[in-house]
Amino acid sequence: MREEALIKGMMGKGAALVGLFVIGASFFNRLDVFVGAAVGSLMAYGDFLLMCYLSEEVLKLNSRSVFWGVQAFKYLIMAVVLGVLFFYKVANPVATVAGLSLLVLIPFTEIGNLKNI
């Protein structure tokens, strides 16, 4: 039960982090920076949500191949989307990588509650 509350806390604070990051990127007054930050942070948050929702199902199957298949498919989709955005110079690569770094930061939003598990 505590784990579910921790994950929900991470989801809520992660969404707030994405919002703050995108709002912060809008102050650069450049569309490519805004799009890069928005796409990167939304991909990171979507990846986090996908891990949260699918991890229990994949663990029930007890299959490494399903896990790696899901990971490969997810990253293939992300690579195609980012490739198209970078090819047409719609998104700034530095802002996109900064947005993708939210995947690392989201778990740290609940670091104080990790000791309670």
PDB file of N, CA and C in Angstrom:
ATOM      1  N   MET A   1       0.823  -1.195   0.000  1.00  0.00           N
ATOM      2  CA  MET A   1       0.000   0.000   0.000  1.00  0.00           C
ATOM      3  C   MET A   1       0.858   1.247   0.000  1.00  0.00           C
ATOM      4  N   ARG A   2       1.920   1.233   0.792  1.00  0.00           N
ATOM      5  CA  ARG A   2       2.796   2.403   0.835  1.00  0.00           C
ATOM      6  C   ARG A   2       3.477   2.635  -0.509  1.00  0.00           C
ATOM      7  N   GLU A   3       3.785   1.532  -1.211  1.00  0.00           N
ATOM      8  CA  GLU A   3       4.444   1.664  -2.504  1.00  0.00           C
ATOM      9  C   GLU A   3       3.539   2.367  -3.504  1.00  0.00           C
ATOM     10  N   GLU A   4       2.247   2.041  -3.473  1.00  0.00           N
ATOM     11  CA  GLU A   4       1.308   2.680  -4.392  1.00  0.00           C
ATOM     12  C   GLU A   4       1.195   4.167  -4.110  1.00  0.00           C
ATOM     13  N   ALA A   5       1.177   4.547  -2.843  1.00  0.00           N
ATOM     14  CA  ALA A   5       1.118   5.958  -2.487  1.00  0.00           C
ATOM     15  C   ALA A   5       2.389   6.682  -2.919  1.00  0.00           C
ATOM     16  N   LEU A   6       3.509   6.008  -2.809  1.00  0.00           N
ATOM     17  CA  LEU A   6       4.780   6.593  -3.229  1.00  0.00           C
ATOM     18  C   LEU A   6       4.793   6.825  -4.736  1.00  0.00           C
ATOM     19  N   ILE A   7       4.334   5.841  -5.495  1.00  0.00           N
ATOM     20  CA  ILE A   7       4.283   5.974  -6.955  1.00  0.00           C
ATOM     21  C   ILE A   7       3.317   7.085  -7.351  1.00  0.00           C
ATOM     22  N   LYS A   8       2.159   7.156  -6.700  1.00  0.00           N
ATOM     23  CA  LYS A   8       1.204   8.226  -7.012  1.00  0.00           C
ATOM     24  C   LYS A   8       1.785   9.590  -6.686  1.00  0.00           C
ATOM     25  N   GLY A   9       2.538   9.684  -5.599  1.00  0.00           N
ATOM     26  CA  GLY A   9       3.201  10.938  -5.262  1.00  0.00           C
ATOM     27  C   GLY A   9       4.220  11.338  -6.319  1.00  0.00           C
ATOM     28  N   MET A  10       4.960  10.337  -6.806  1.00  0.00           N
ATOM     29  CA  MET A  10       5.929  10.607  -7.869  1.00  0.00           C
ATOM     30  C   MET A  10       5.234  11.046  -9.148  1.00  0.00           C
ATOM     31  N   MET A  11       4.090  10.439  -9.443  1.00  0.00           N
ATOM     32  CA  MET A  11       3.359  10.809 -10.651  1.00  0.00           C
ATOM     33  C   MET A  11       2.880  12.259 -10.577  1.00  0.00           C
ATOM     34  N   GLY A  12       2.322  12.629  -9.442  1.00  0.00           N
ATOM     35  CA  GLY A  12       1.825  13.997  -9.286  1.00  0.00           C
ATOM     36  C   GLY A  12       2.943  15.020  -9.316  1.00  0.00           C
ATOM     37  N   LYS A  13       4.003  14.749  -8.581  1.00  0.00           N
ATOM     38  CA  LYS A  13       5.120  15.690  -8.560  1.00  0.00           C
ATOM     39  C   LYS A  13       5.878  15.674  -9.881  1.00  0.00           C
ATOM     40  N   GLY A  14       5.894  14.556 -10.550  1.00  0.00           N
ATOM     41  CA  GLY A  14       6.514  14.491 -11.873  1.00  0.00           C
ATOM     42  C   GLY A  14       5.759  15.330 -12.882  1.00  0.00           C
ATOM     43  N   ALA A  15       4.431  15.292 -12.811  1.00  0.00           N
ATOM     44  CA  ALA A  15       3.627  16.128 -13.701  1.00  0.00           C
ATOM     45  C   ALA A  15       3.879  17.608 -13.411  1.00  0.00           C
ATOM     46  N   ALA A  16       4.014  17.945 -12.143  1.00  0.00           N
ATOM     47  CA  ALA A  16       4.318  19.332 -11.791  1.00  0.00           C
ATOM     48  C   ALA A  16       5.697  19.727 -12.307  1.00  0.00           C
ATOM     49  N   LEU A  17       6.674  18.824 -12.225  1.00  0.00           N
ATOM     50  CA  LEU A  17       8.012  19.095 -12.757  1.00  0.00           C
ATOM     51  C   LEU A  17       7.972  19.332 -14.266  1.00  0.00           C
ATOM     52  N   VAL A  18       7.206  18.527 -14.972  1.00  0.00           N
ATOM     53  CA  VAL A  18       7.070  18.710 -16.417  1.00  0.00           C
ATOM     54  C   VAL A  18       6.470  20.082 -16.710  1.00  0.00           C
ATOM     55  N   GLY A  19       5.422  20.433 -15.982  1.00  0.00           N
ATOM     56  CA  GLY A  19       4.799  21.745 -16.181  1.00  0.00           C
ATOM     57  C   GLY A  19       5.758  22.887 -15.907  1.00  0.00           C
ATOM     58  N   LEU A  20       6.494  22.803 -14.822  1.00  0.00           N
ATOM     59  CA  LEU A  20       7.460  23.854 -14.499  1.00  0.00           C
ATOM     60  C   LEU A  20       8.572  23.933 -15.536  1.00  0.00           C
ATOM     61  N   PHE A  21       9.018  22.783 -16.008  1.00  0.00           N
ATOM     62  CA  PHE A  21      10.079  22.772 -17.000  1.00  0.00           C
ATOM     63  C   PHE A  21       9.617  23.399 -18.311  1.00  0.00           C
ATOM     64  N   VAL A  22       8.412  23.080 -18.732  1.00  0.00           N
ATOM     65  CA  VAL A  22       7.885  23.635 -19.982  1.00  0.00           C
ATOM     66  C   VAL A  22       7.626  25.132 -19.834  1.00  0.00           C
ATOM     67  N   ILE A  23       7.110  25.535 -18.696  1.00  0.00           N
ATOM     68  CA  ILE A  23       6.903  26.974 -18.464  1.00  0.00           C
ATOM     69  C   ILE A  23       8.241  27.700 -18.451  1.00  0.00           C
ATOM     70  N   GLY A  24       9.243  27.111 -17.819  1.00  0.00           N
ATOM     71  CA  GLY A  24      10.571  27.714 -17.811  1.00  0.00           C
ATOM     72  C   GLY A  24      11.163  27.825 -19.209  1.00  0.00           C
ATOM     73  N   ALA A  25      10.923  26.821 -20.035  1.00  0.00           N
ATOM     74  CA  ALA A  25      11.439  26.855 -21.407  1.00  0.00           C
ATOM     75  C   ALA A  25      10.746  27.915 -22.249  1.00  0.00           C
ATOM     76  N   SER A  26       9.530  28.261 -21.893  1.00  0.00           N
ATOM     77  CA  SER A  26       8.814  29.277 -22.674  1.00  0.00           C
ATOM     78  C   SER A  26       9.428  30.663 -22.509  1.00  0.00           C
ATOM     79  N   PHE A  27      10.228  30.870 -21.469  1.00  0.00           N
ATOM     80  CA  PHE A  27      10.864  32.168 -21.264  1.00  0.00           C
ATOM     81  C   PHE A  27      12.045  32.401 -22.200  1.00  0.00           C
ATOM     82  N   PHE A  28      12.490  31.386 -22.931  1.00  0.00           N
ATOM     83  CA  PHE A  28      13.585  31.558 -23.875  1.00  0.00           C
ATOM     84  C   PHE A  28      13.137  32.246 -25.163  1.00  0.00           C
ATOM     85  N   ASN A  29      11.839  32.342 -25.392  1.00  0.00           N
ATOM     86  CA  ASN A  29      11.262  33.003 -26.569  1.00  0.00           C
ATOM     87  C   ASN A  29      11.775  32.408 -27.879  1.00  0.00           C
ATOM     88  N   ARG A  30      12.046  31.115 -27.859  1.00  0.00           N
ATOM     89  CA  ARG A  30      12.419  30.403 -29.073  1.00  0.00           C
ATOM     90  C   ARG A  30      11.557  29.155 -29.157  1.00  0.00           C
ATOM     91  N   LEU A  31      10.911  29.000 -30.289  1.00  0.00           N
ATOM     92  CA  LEU A  31       9.980  27.890 -30.453  1.00  0.00           C
ATOM     93  C   LEU A  31      10.701  26.541 -30.412  1.00  0.00           C
ATOM     94  N   ASP A  32      11.904  26.463 -31.003  1.00  0.00           N
ATOM     95  CA  ASP A  32      12.603  25.168 -31.015  1.00  0.00           C
ATOM     96  C   ASP A  32      13.021  24.734 -29.612  1.00  0.00           C
ATOM     97  N   VAL A  33      13.376  25.679 -28.752  1.00  0.00           N
ATOM     98  CA  VAL A  33      13.720  25.351 -27.365  1.00  0.00           C
ATOM     99  C   VAL A  33      12.469  24.891 -26.616  1.00  0.00           C
ATOM    100  N   PHE A  34      11.374  25.586 -26.819  1.00  0.00           N
ATOM    101  CA  PHE A  34      10.121  25.220 -26.164  1.00  0.00           C
ATOM    102  C   PHE A  34       9.668  23.825 -26.596  1.00  0.00           C
ATOM    103  N   VAL A  35       9.691  23.574 -27.911  1.00  0.00           N
ATOM    104  CA  VAL A  35       9.255  22.269 -28.417  1.00  0.00           C
ATOM    105  C   VAL A  35      10.191  21.168 -27.919  1.00  0.00           C
ATOM    106  N   GLY A  36      11.498  21.428 -27.926  1.00  0.00           N
ATOM    107  CA  GLY A  36      12.450  20.436 -27.441  1.00  0.00           C
ATOM    108  C   GLY A  36      12.234  20.107 -25.973  1.00  0.00           C
ATOM    109  N   ALA A  37      12.055  21.140 -25.165  1.00  0.00           N
ATOM    110  CA  ALA A  37      11.823  20.918 -23.737  1.00  0.00           C
ATOM    111  C   ALA A  37      10.502  20.200 -23.498  1.00  0.00           C
ATOM    112  N   ALA A  38       9.477  20.597 -24.234  1.00  0.00           N
ATOM    113  CA  ALA A  38       8.168  19.965 -24.057  1.00  0.00           C
ATOM    114  C   ALA A  38       8.200  18.505 -24.488  1.00  0.00           C
ATOM    115  N   VAL A  39       8.777  18.240 -25.642  1.00  0.00           N
ATOM    116  CA  VAL A  39       8.823  16.859 -26.143  1.00  0.00           C
ATOM    117  C   VAL A  39       9.689  15.994 -25.231  1.00  0.00           C
ATOM    118  N   GLY A  40      10.848  16.503 -24.847  1.00  0.00           N
ATOM    119  CA  GLY A  40      11.743  15.728 -23.985  1.00  0.00           C
ATOM    120  C   GLY A  40      11.128  15.426 -22.632  1.00  0.00           C
ATOM    121  N   SER A  41      10.529  16.435 -22.014  1.00  0.00           N
ATOM    122  CA  SER A  41       9.957  16.211 -20.691  1.00  0.00           C
ATOM    123  C   SER A  41       8.703  15.343 -20.761  1.00  0.00           C
ATOM    124  N   LEU A  42       7.897  15.501 -21.796  1.00  0.00           N
ATOM    125  CA  LEU A  42       6.717  14.646 -21.932  1.00  0.00           C
ATOM    126  C   LEU A  42       7.101  13.199 -22.239  1.00  0.00           C
ATOM    127  N   MET A  43       8.167  13.010 -23.016  1.00  0.00           N
ATOM    128  CA  MET A  43       8.645  11.645 -23.265  1.00  0.00           C
ATOM    129  C   MET A  43       9.173  11.019 -21.977  1.00  0.00           C
ATOM    130  N   ALA A  44       9.893  11.801 -21.192  1.00  0.00           N
ATOM    131  CA  ALA A  44      10.419  11.273 -19.929  1.00  0.00           C
ATOM    132  C   ALA A  44       9.277  10.911 -18.985  1.00  0.00           C
ATOM    133  N   TYR A  45       8.277  11.769 -18.900  1.00  0.00           N
ATOM    134  CA  TYR A  45       7.145  11.496 -18.020  1.00  0.00           C
ATOM    135  C   TYR A  45       6.338  10.305 -18.538  1.00  0.00           C
ATOM    136  N   GLY A  46       6.147  10.243 -19.842  1.00  0.00           N
ATOM    137  CA  GLY A  46       5.444   9.100 -20.425  1.00  0.00           C
ATOM    138  C   GLY A  46       6.194   7.803 -20.197  1.00  0.00           C
ATOM    139  N   ASP A  47       7.519   7.846 -20.295  1.00  0.00           N
ATOM    140  CA  ASP A  47       8.333   6.665 -20.020  1.00  0.00           C
ATOM    141  C   ASP A  47       8.181   6.240 -18.566  1.00  0.00           C
ATOM    142  N   PHE A  48       8.170   7.208 -17.664  1.00  0.00           N
ATOM    143  CA  PHE A  48       7.981   6.904 -16.241  1.00  0.00           C
ATOM    144  C   PHE A  48       6.613   6.270 -16.001  1.00  0.00           C
ATOM    145  N   LEU A  49       5.573   6.832 -16.591  1.00  0.00           N
ATOM    146  CA  LEU A  49       4.230   6.273 -16.424  1.00  0.00           C
ATOM    147  C   LEU A  49       4.138   4.867 -16.997  1.00  0.00           C
ATOM    148  N   LEU A  50       4.748   4.672 -18.153  1.00  0.00           N
ATOM    149  CA  LEU A  50       4.724   3.354 -18.776  1.00  0.00           C
ATOM    150  C   LEU A  50       5.432   2.329 -17.898  1.00  0.00           C
ATOM    151  N   MET A  51       6.558   2.731 -17.322  1.00  0.00           N
ATOM    152  CA  MET A  51       7.260   1.821 -16.414  1.00  0.00           C
ATOM    153  C   MET A  51       6.398   1.489 -15.200  1.00  0.00           C
ATOM    154  N   CYS A  52       5.705   2.485 -14.675  1.00  0.00           N
ATOM    155  CA  CYS A  52       4.869   2.248 -13.496  1.00  0.00           C
ATOM    156  C   CYS A  52       3.710   1.309 -13.809  1.00  0.00           C
ATOM    157  N   TYR A  53       3.049   1.509 -14.933  1.00  0.00           N
ATOM    158  CA  TYR A  53       1.870   0.713 -15.245  1.00  0.00           C
ATOM    159  C   TYR A  53       2.212  -0.684 -15.765  1.00  0.00           C
ATOM    160  N   LEU A  54       3.291  -0.793 -16.525  1.00  0.00           N
ATOM    161  CA  LEU A  54       3.601  -2.083 -17.136  1.00  0.00           C
ATOM    162  C   LEU A  54       4.515  -2.966 -16.296  1.00  0.00           C
ATOM    163  N   SER A  55       5.223  -2.382 -15.341  1.00  0.00           N
ATOM    164  CA  SER A  55       6.200  -3.183 -14.604  1.00  0.00           C
ATOM    165  C   SER A  55       5.535  -4.334 -13.852  1.00  0.00           C
ATOM    166  N   GLU A  56       4.402  -4.084 -13.243  1.00  0.00           N
ATOM    167  CA  GLU A  56       3.728  -5.147 -12.503  1.00  0.00           C
ATOM    168  C   GLU A  56       3.254  -6.254 -13.444  1.00  0.00           C
ATOM    169  N   GLU A  57       2.745  -5.867 -14.606  1.00  0.00           N
ATOM    170  CA  GLU A  57       2.265  -6.863 -15.566  1.00  0.00           C
ATOM    171  C   GLU A  57       3.420  -7.682 -16.136  1.00  0.00           C
ATOM    172  N   VAL A  58       4.524  -7.019 -16.428  1.00  0.00           N
ATOM    173  CA  VAL A  58       5.674  -7.729 -16.973  1.00  0.00           C
ATOM    174  C   VAL A  58       6.272  -8.658 -15.931  1.00  0.00           C
ATOM    175  N   LEU A  59       6.304  -8.222 -14.675  1.00  0.00           N
ATOM    176  CA  LEU A  59       6.834  -9.071 -13.615  1.00  0.00           C
ATOM    177  C   LEU A  59       5.961 -10.304 -13.394  1.00  0.00           C
ATOM    178  N   LYS A  60       4.653 -10.162 -13.580  1.00  0.00           N
ATOM    179  CA  LYS A  60       3.763 -11.313 -13.448  1.00  0.00           C
ATOM    180  C   LYS A  60       4.058 -12.363 -14.508  1.00  0.00           C
ATOM    181  N   LEU A  61       4.435 -11.916 -15.709  1.00  0.00           N
ATOM    182  CA  LEU A  61       4.741 -12.853 -16.786  1.00  0.00           C
ATOM    183  C   LEU A  61       6.050 -13.582 -16.549  1.00  0.00           C
ATOM    184  N   ASN A  62       6.931 -12.980 -15.751  1.00  0.00           N
ATOM    185  CA  ASN A  62       8.220 -13.566 -15.410  1.00  0.00           C
ATOM    186  C   ASN A  62       9.018 -13.901 -16.669  1.00  0.00           C
ATOM    187  N   SER A  63       9.038 -12.954 -17.604  1.00  0.00           N
ATOM    188  CA  SER A  63       9.723 -13.170 -18.871  1.00  0.00           C
ATOM    189  C   SER A  63      10.634 -11.982 -19.168  1.00  0.00           C
ATOM    190  N   ARG A  64      11.904 -12.256 -19.282  1.00  0.00           N
ATOM    191  CA  ARG A  64      12.848 -11.190 -19.625  1.00  0.00           C
ATOM    192  C   ARG A  64      12.660 -10.724 -21.050  1.00  0.00           C
ATOM    193  N   SER A  65      12.278 -11.630 -21.940  1.00  0.00           N
ATOM    194  CA  SER A  65      12.133 -11.255 -23.339  1.00  0.00           C
ATOM    195  C   SER A  65      10.986 -10.262 -23.520  1.00  0.00           C
ATOM    196  N   VAL A  66       9.912 -10.418 -22.760  1.00  0.00           N
ATOM    197  CA  VAL A  66       8.812  -9.452 -22.834  1.00  0.00           C
ATOM    198  C   VAL A  66       9.284  -8.101 -22.326  1.00  0.00           C
ATOM    199  N   PHE A  67      10.027  -8.087 -21.229  1.00  0.00           N
ATOM    200  CA  PHE A  67      10.546  -6.838 -20.690  1.00  0.00           C
ATOM    201  C   PHE A  67      11.429  -6.134 -21.707  1.00  0.00           C
ATOM    202  N   TRP A  68      12.393  -6.863 -22.280  1.00  0.00           N
ATOM    203  CA  TRP A  68      13.295  -6.245 -23.242  1.00  0.00           C
ATOM    204  C   TRP A  68      12.580  -5.879 -24.533  1.00  0.00           C
ATOM    205  N   GLY A  69      11.573  -6.633 -24.898  1.00  0.00           N
ATOM    206  CA  GLY A  69      10.781  -6.277 -26.073  1.00  0.00           C
ATOM    207  C   GLY A  69      10.030  -4.970 -25.880  1.00  0.00           C
ATOM    208  N   VAL A  70       9.434  -4.800 -24.717  1.00  0.00           N
ATOM    209  CA  VAL A  70       8.722  -3.553 -24.404  1.00  0.00           C
ATOM    210  C   VAL A  70       9.703  -2.387 -24.398  1.00  0.00           C
ATOM    211  N   GLN A  71      10.862  -2.582 -23.776  1.00  0.00           N
ATOM    212  CA  GLN A  71      11.870  -1.519 -23.727  1.00  0.00           C
ATOM    213  C   GLN A  71      12.349  -1.158 -25.134  1.00  0.00           C
ATOM    214  N   ALA A  72      12.650  -2.159 -25.947  1.00  0.00           N
ATOM    215  CA  ALA A  72      13.136  -1.900 -27.305  1.00  0.00           C
ATOM    216  C   ALA A  72      12.088  -1.170 -28.134  1.00  0.00           C
ATOM    217  N   PHE A  73      10.835  -1.595 -28.038  1.00  0.00           N
ATOM    218  CA  PHE A  73       9.763  -0.950 -28.788  1.00  0.00           C
ATOM    219  C   PHE A  73       9.583   0.498 -28.341  1.00  0.00           C
ATOM    220  N   LYS A  74       9.619   0.716 -27.043  1.00  0.00           N
ATOM    221  CA  LYS A  74       9.450   2.063 -26.504  1.00  0.00           C
ATOM    222  C   LYS A  74      10.560   2.988 -26.990  1.00  0.00           C
ATOM    223  N   TYR A  75      11.794   2.529 -26.913  1.00  0.00           N
ATOM    224  CA  TYR A  75      12.913   3.373 -27.332  1.00  0.00           C
ATOM    225  C   TYR A  75      12.983   3.527 -28.842  1.00  0.00           C
ATOM    226  N   LEU A  76      12.499   2.558 -29.591  1.00  0.00           N
ATOM    227  CA  LEU A  76      12.427   2.695 -31.038  1.00  0.00           C
ATOM    228  C   LEU A  76      11.440   3.798 -31.417  1.00  0.00           C
ATOM    229  N   ILE A  77      10.290   3.810 -30.761  1.00  0.00           N
ATOM    230  CA  ILE A  77       9.298   4.861 -31.015  1.00  0.00           C
ATOM    231  C   ILE A  77       9.868   6.230 -30.649  1.00  0.00           C
ATOM    232  N   MET A  78      10.540   6.313 -29.503  1.00  0.00           N
ATOM    233  CA  MET A  78      11.138   7.588 -29.092  1.00  0.00           C
ATOM    234  C   MET A  78      12.206   8.039 -30.093  1.00  0.00           C
ATOM    235  N   ALA A  79      13.015   7.117 -30.585  1.00  0.00           N
ATOM    236  CA  ALA A  79      14.066   7.460 -31.540  1.00  0.00           C
ATOM    237  C   ALA A  79      13.480   7.966 -32.852  1.00  0.00           C
ATOM    238  N   VAL A  80      12.410   7.344 -33.310  1.00  0.00           N
ATOM    239  CA  VAL A  80      11.778   7.782 -34.556  1.00  0.00           C
ATOM    240  C   VAL A  80      11.208   9.187 -34.389  1.00  0.00           C
ATOM    241  N   VAL A  81      10.500   9.415 -33.294  1.00  0.00           N
ATOM    242  CA  VAL A  81       9.915  10.748 -33.059  1.00  0.00           C
ATOM    243  C   VAL A  81      10.996  11.805 -32.958  1.00  0.00           C
ATOM    244  N   LEU A  82      12.031  11.527 -32.162  1.00  0.00           N
ATOM    245  CA  LEU A  82      13.117  12.498 -32.014  1.00  0.00           C
ATOM    246  C   LEU A  82      13.883  12.678 -33.319  1.00  0.00           C
ATOM    247  N   GLY A  83      14.080  11.612 -34.070  1.00  0.00           N
ATOM    248  CA  GLY A  83      14.759  11.721 -35.360  1.00  0.00           C
ATOM    249  C   GLY A  83      14.029  12.640 -36.318  1.00  0.00           C
ATOM    250  N   VAL A  84      12.719  12.493 -36.387  1.00  0.00           N
ATOM    251  CA  VAL A  84      11.923  13.354 -37.261  1.00  0.00           C
ATOM    252  C   VAL A  84      11.997  14.805 -36.789  1.00  0.00           C
ATOM    253  N   LEU A  85      11.870  15.024 -35.483  1.00  0.00           N
ATOM    254  CA  LEU A  85      11.920  16.392 -34.956  1.00  0.00           C
ATOM    255  C   LEU A  85      13.286  17.037 -35.179  1.00  0.00           C
ATOM    256  N   PHE A  86      14.345  16.274 -35.024  1.00  0.00           N
ATOM    257  CA  PHE A  86      15.688  16.829 -35.238  1.00  0.00           C
ATOM    258  C   PHE A  86      15.993  17.014 -36.718  1.00  0.00           C
ATOM    259  N   PHE A  87      15.512  16.103 -37.558  1.00  0.00           N
ATOM    260  CA  PHE A  87      15.756  16.214 -38.996  1.00  0.00           C
ATOM    261  C   PHE A  87      15.126  17.485 -39.560  1.00  0.00           C
ATOM    262  N   TYR A  88      13.911  17.778 -39.132  1.00  0.00           N
ATOM    263  CA  TYR A  88      13.225  18.983 -39.616  1.00  0.00           C
ATOM    264  C   TYR A  88      13.527  20.212 -38.765  1.00  0.00           C
ATOM    265  N   LYS A  89      14.414  20.073 -37.802  1.00  0.00           N
ATOM    266  CA  LYS A  89      14.869  21.169 -36.933  1.00  0.00           C
ATOM    267  C   LYS A  89      13.699  21.870 -36.236  1.00  0.00           C
ATOM    268  N   VAL A  90      12.779  21.042 -35.759  1.00  0.00           N
ATOM    269  CA  VAL A  90      11.631  21.553 -35.020  1.00  0.00           C
ATOM    270  C   VAL A  90      11.976  21.698 -33.546  1.00  0.00           C
ATOM    271  N   ALA A  91      12.827  20.804 -33.048  1.00  0.00           N
ATOM    272  CA  ALA A  91      13.162  20.789 -31.626  1.00  0.00           C
ATOM    273  C   ALA A  91      14.659  21.006 -31.441  1.00  0.00           C
ATOM    274  N   ASN A  92      14.994  21.710 -30.391  1.00  0.00           N
ATOM    275  CA  ASN A  92      16.388  21.930 -30.027  1.00  0.00           C
ATOM    276  C   ASN A  92      16.898  20.685 -29.300  1.00  0.00           C
ATOM    277  N   PRO A  93      17.995  20.080 -29.773  1.00  0.00           N
ATOM    278  CA  PRO A  93      18.487  18.851 -29.143  1.00  0.00           C
ATOM    279  C   PRO A  93      18.909  19.030 -27.683  1.00  0.00           C
ATOM    280  N   VAL A  94      19.515  20.158 -27.349  1.00  0.00           N
ATOM    281  CA  VAL A  94      19.960  20.380 -25.967  1.00  0.00           C
ATOM    282  C   VAL A  94      18.753  20.485 -25.035  1.00  0.00           C
ATOM    283  N   ALA A  95      17.733  21.198 -25.458  1.00  0.00           N
ATOM    284  CA  ALA A  95      16.522  21.322 -24.643  1.00  0.00           C
ATOM    285  C   ALA A  95      15.813  19.975 -24.526  1.00  0.00           C
ATOM    286  N   THR A  96      15.868  19.172 -25.573  1.00  0.00           N
ATOM    287  CA  THR A  96      15.242  17.853 -25.538  1.00  0.00           C
ATOM    288  C   THR A  96      15.955  16.943 -24.547  1.00  0.00           C
ATOM    289  N   VAL A  97      17.278  16.956 -24.573  1.00  0.00           N
ATOM    290  CA  VAL A  97      18.039  16.137 -23.625  1.00  0.00           C
ATOM    291  C   VAL A  97      17.796  16.631 -22.199  1.00  0.00           C
ATOM    292  N   ALA A  98      17.721  17.937 -22.025  1.00  0.00           N
ATOM    293  CA  ALA A  98      17.416  18.474 -20.689  1.00  0.00           C
ATOM    294  C   ALA A  98      16.036  18.008 -20.239  1.00  0.00           C
ATOM    295  N   GLY A  99      15.073  17.993 -21.141  1.00  0.00           N
ATOM    296  CA  GLY A  99      13.740  17.497 -20.800  1.00  0.00           C
ATOM    297  C   GLY A  99      13.743  16.017 -20.484  1.00  0.00           C
ATOM    298  N   LEU A 100      14.516  15.248 -21.233  1.00  0.00           N
ATOM    299  CA  LEU A 100      14.608  13.809 -20.967  1.00  0.00           C
ATOM    300  C   LEU A 100      15.259  13.516 -19.623  1.00  0.00           C
ATOM    301  N   SER A 101      16.028  14.457 -19.098  1.00  0.00           N
ATOM    302  CA  SER A 101      16.679  14.247 -17.802  1.00  0.00           C
ATOM    303  C   SER A 101      15.669  14.208 -16.657  1.00  0.00           C
ATOM    304  N   LEU A 102      14.438  14.631 -16.921  1.00  0.00           N
ATOM    305  CA  LEU A 102      13.414  14.559 -15.877  1.00  0.00           C
ATOM    306  C   LEU A 102      13.138  13.124 -15.459  1.00  0.00           C
ATOM    307  N   LEU A 103      13.425  12.172 -16.340  1.00  0.00           N
ATOM    308  CA  LEU A 103      13.239  10.765 -15.981  1.00  0.00           C
ATOM    309  C   LEU A 103      14.110  10.391 -14.790  1.00  0.00           C
ATOM    310  N   VAL A 104      15.259  11.023 -14.685  1.00  0.00           N
ATOM    311  CA  VAL A 104      16.146  10.779 -13.555  1.00  0.00           C
ATOM    312  C   VAL A 104      15.684  11.561 -12.327  1.00  0.00           C
ATOM    313  N   LEU A 105      15.104  12.737 -12.539  1.00  0.00           N
ATOM    314  CA  LEU A 105      14.728  13.603 -11.423  1.00  0.00           C
ATOM    315  C   LEU A 105      13.413  13.219 -10.755  1.00  0.00           C
ATOM    316  N   ILE A 106      12.507  12.603 -11.483  1.00  0.00           N
ATOM    317  CA  ILE A 106      11.179  12.302 -10.931  1.00  0.00           C
ATOM    318  C   ILE A 106      11.249  11.444  -9.664  1.00  0.00           C
ATOM    319  N   PRO A 107      12.034  10.361  -9.625  1.00  0.00           N
ATOM    320  CA  PRO A 107      12.086   9.584  -8.371  1.00  0.00           C
ATOM    321  C   PRO A 107      12.622  10.375  -7.175  1.00  0.00           C
ATOM    322  N   PHE A 108      13.449  11.378  -7.425  1.00  0.00           N
ATOM    323  CA  PHE A 108      14.000  12.170  -6.329  1.00  0.00           C
ATOM    324  C   PHE A 108      12.966  13.096  -5.693  1.00  0.00           C
ATOM    325  N   THR A 109      11.793  13.245  -6.318  1.00  0.00           N
ATOM    326  CA  THR A 109      10.763  14.089  -5.718  1.00  0.00           C
ATOM    327  C   THR A 109      10.194  13.468  -4.454  1.00  0.00           C
ATOM    328  N   GLU A 110      10.310  12.162  -4.315  1.00  0.00           N
ATOM    329  CA  GLU A 110       9.785  11.458  -3.145  1.00  0.00           C
ATOM    330  C   GLU A 110      10.900  10.822  -2.325  1.00  0.00           C
ATOM    331  N   ILE A 111      12.099  11.359  -2.417  1.00  0.00           N
ATOM    332  CA  ILE A 111      13.241  10.756  -1.720  1.00  0.00           C
ATOM    333  C   ILE A 111      13.035  10.721  -0.212  1.00  0.00           C
ATOM    334  N   GLY A 112      12.328  11.704   0.320  1.00  0.00           N
ATOM    335  CA  GLY A 112      12.082  11.718   1.776  1.00  0.00           C
ATOM    336  C   GLY A 112      11.182  10.604   2.236  1.00  0.00           C
ATOM    337  N   ASN A 113      10.316  10.128   1.364  1.00  0.00           N
ATOM    338  CA  ASN A 113       9.377   9.060   1.719  1.00  0.00           C
ATOM    339  C   ASN A 113       9.918   7.666   1.441  1.00  0.00           C
ATOM    340  N   LEU A 114      11.071   7.554   0.804  1.00  0.00           N
ATOM    341  CA  LEU A 114      11.605   6.230   0.496  1.00  0.00           C
ATOM    342  C   LEU A 114      11.979   5.450   1.752  1.00  0.00           C
ATOM    343  N   LYS A 115      12.326   6.131   2.802  1.00  0.00           N
ATOM    344  CA  LYS A 115      12.699   5.432   4.037  1.00  0.00           C
ATOM    345  C   LYS A 115      11.498   4.764   4.694  1.00  0.00           C
ATOM    346  N   ASN A 116      10.273   5.165   4.319  1.00  0.00           N
ATOM    347  CA  ASN A 116       9.068   4.609   4.925  1.00  0.00           C
ATOM    348  C   ASN A 116       8.613   3.301   4.306  1.00  0.00           C
ATOM    349  N   ILE A 117       9.279   2.873   3.242  1.00  0.00           N
ATOM    350  CA  ILE A 117       8.849   1.634   2.578  1.00  0.00           C
ATOM    351  C   ILE A 117       9.366   0.437   3.356  1.00  0.00           C
TER     352      ILE A 117
END
